Each structure stands twice: as structure tokens, then as C-alpha cells.
C-alpha atoms as a PDB file:
ATOM      1  CA  UNK A   1      14.895  -4.606   1.525  1.00  0.00           C
ATOM      2  CA  UNK A   2      11.645  -6.004   0.697  1.00  0.00           C
ATOM      3  CA  UNK A   3       9.070  -6.645   3.705  1.00  0.00           C
ATOM      4  CA  UNK A   4       5.592  -7.228   3.858  1.00  0.00           C
ATOM      5  CA  UNK A   5       2.377  -5.704   5.395  1.00  0.00           C
ATOM      6  CA  UNK A   6      -1.173  -6.780   5.026  1.00  0.00           C
ATOM      7  CA  UNK A   7      -3.692  -4.288   4.163  1.00  0.00           C
ATOM      8  CA  UNK A   8      -7.152  -3.397   3.273  1.00  0.00           C
ATOM      9  CA  UNK A   9      -8.461  -2.223   0.322  1.00  0.00           C
ATOM     10  CA  UNK A  10     -10.899   1.308   1.217  1.00  0.00           C
ATOM     11  CA  UNK A  11     -13.033   0.185  -1.102  1.00  0.00           C
ATOM     12  CA  UNK A  12     -14.785  -3.270  -0.666  1.00  0.00           C
ATOM     13  CA  UNK A  13     -13.222  -4.797   2.065  1.00  0.00           C
ATOM     14  CA  UNK A  14     -11.140  -7.685   1.216  1.00  0.00           C
ATOM     15  CA  UNK A  15      -7.932  -7.600   2.968  1.00  0.00           C
ATOM     16  CA  UNK A  16      -4.866  -8.052   0.542  1.00  0.00           C
ATOM     17  CA  UNK A  17      -1.086  -8.722   0.385  1.00  0.00           C
ATOM     18  CA  UNK A  18       1.681  -5.426  -0.602  1.00  0.00           C
ATOM     19  CA  UNK A  19       5.643  -6.733  -1.276  1.00  0.00           C
ATOM     20  CA  UNK A  20       7.251  -2.579  -0.580  1.00  0.00           C
ATOM     21  CA  UNK A  21      10.816  -2.467  -1.167  1.00  0.00           C
ATOM     22  CA  UNK A  22      12.343  -0.684   1.679  1.00  0.00           C
ATOM     23  CA  UNK A  23      15.188   0.911  -0.419  1.00  0.00           C
ATOM     24  CA  UNK A  24      13.479   3.303  -2.822  1.00  0.00           C
ATOM     25  CA  UNK A  25      12.376   5.453   0.160  1.00  0.00           C
ATOM     26  CA  UNK A  26       9.571   7.129   0.586  1.00  0.00           C
ATOM     27  CA  UNK A  27       7.000   5.940  -1.856  1.00  0.00           C
ATOM     28  CA  UNK A  28       2.958   6.793  -3.502  1.00  0.00           C
ATOM     29  CA  UNK A  29       1.769   5.064  -5.811  1.00  0.00           C
ATOM     30  CA  UNK A  30      -0.953   2.877  -7.348  1.00  0.00           C
ATOM     31  CA  UNK A  31      -2.477  -0.386  -7.705  1.00  0.00           C
ATOM     32  CA  UNK A  32      -5.523  -2.334  -8.877  1.00  0.00           C
ATOM     33  CA  UNK A  33      -7.622  -4.631  -6.079  1.00  0.00           C
ATOM     34  CA  UNK A  34      -7.284  -7.845  -7.230  1.00  0.00           C
ATOM     35  CA  UNK A  35     -11.772  -8.372  -5.903  1.00  0.00           C
ATOM     36  CA  UNK A  36     -13.233  -5.357  -7.598  1.00  0.00           C
ATOM     37  CA  UNK A  37     -10.594  -3.337  -9.441  1.00  0.00           C
ATOM     38  CA  UNK A  38     -10.886   0.193  -7.756  1.00  0.00           C
ATOM     39  CA  UNK A  39      -7.619   1.841  -7.717  1.00  0.00           C
ATOM     40  CA  UNK A  40      -5.784   1.601  -4.568  1.00  0.00           C
ATOM     41  CA  UNK A  41      -3.501   4.823  -3.136  1.00  0.00           C
ATOM     42  CA  UNK A  42      -0.728   3.100  -1.742  1.00  0.00           C
ATOM     43  CA  UNK A  43       1.355   5.827   1.051  1.00  0.00           C
ATOM     44  CA  UNK A  44       4.583   4.263   1.799  1.00  0.00           C
ATOM     45  CA  UNK A  45       7.251   6.600   4.858  1.00  0.00           C
ATOM     46  CA  UNK A  46      10.151   5.520   5.687  1.00  0.00           C
ATOM     47  CA  UNK A  47      12.513   6.303   8.237  1.00  0.00           C
ATOM     48  CA  UNK A  48      16.113   4.623   8.923  1.00  0.00           C
ATOM     49  CA  UNK A  49      14.084   0.766   9.597  1.00  0.00           C
ATOM     50  CA  UNK A  50      10.840   1.745  10.431  1.00  0.00           C
ATOM     51  CA  UNK A  51       8.181   1.921   8.423  1.00  0.00           C
ATOM     52  CA  UNK A  52       4.602   2.988   7.717  1.00  0.00           C
ATOM     53  CA  UNK A  53       2.099   1.617   4.472  1.00  0.00           C
ATOM     54  CA  UNK A  54      -1.201   3.449   4.968  1.00  0.00           C
ATOM     55  CA  UNK A  55      -3.814   2.731   1.660  1.00  0.00           C
ATOM     56  CA  UNK A  56      -6.729   5.445   0.925  1.00  0.00           C
ATOM     57  CA  UNK A  57      -9.568   5.361  -2.263  1.00  0.00           C
ATOM     58  CA  UNK A  58      -8.563   7.016  -4.972  1.00  0.00           C
ATOM     59  CA  UNK A  59     -10.609   9.854  -4.526  1.00  0.00           C
ATOM     60  CA  UNK A  60      -9.524  10.602  -0.865  1.00  0.00           C
END
């Protein structure tokens, strides 16, 4: 089950789009910003059909 979610880079503010695989349950992973190349921490929480994505700087 794939979903897309827009997010804002916590470093440079550039908007991006994440493709989320909700079938894997709760996930925490790091991807580099496509603009400033700094590491963004993605924290995905799933609860049945509800889900929430938060993004953080690596040093938070």
C-alpha cells in the first residue's frame, strides 16, 4: 500500500515528496535532501488505515 506525502526539508525549506510504503508498519529512515544534500530523518507511524509522517534534522 503506497501513499505520497509532501514534506519540507528541515534544513533549507525546500518542498519534496516522499513515497511511503505503509505495509511495512512503523518506520524510521534517513534520506538526503535533493536540494541541499543534508540528511533528513523520516519518522512514519502507522495505525491501521491512519498514518503520520514527521521529518527532522539529523541532529534533533
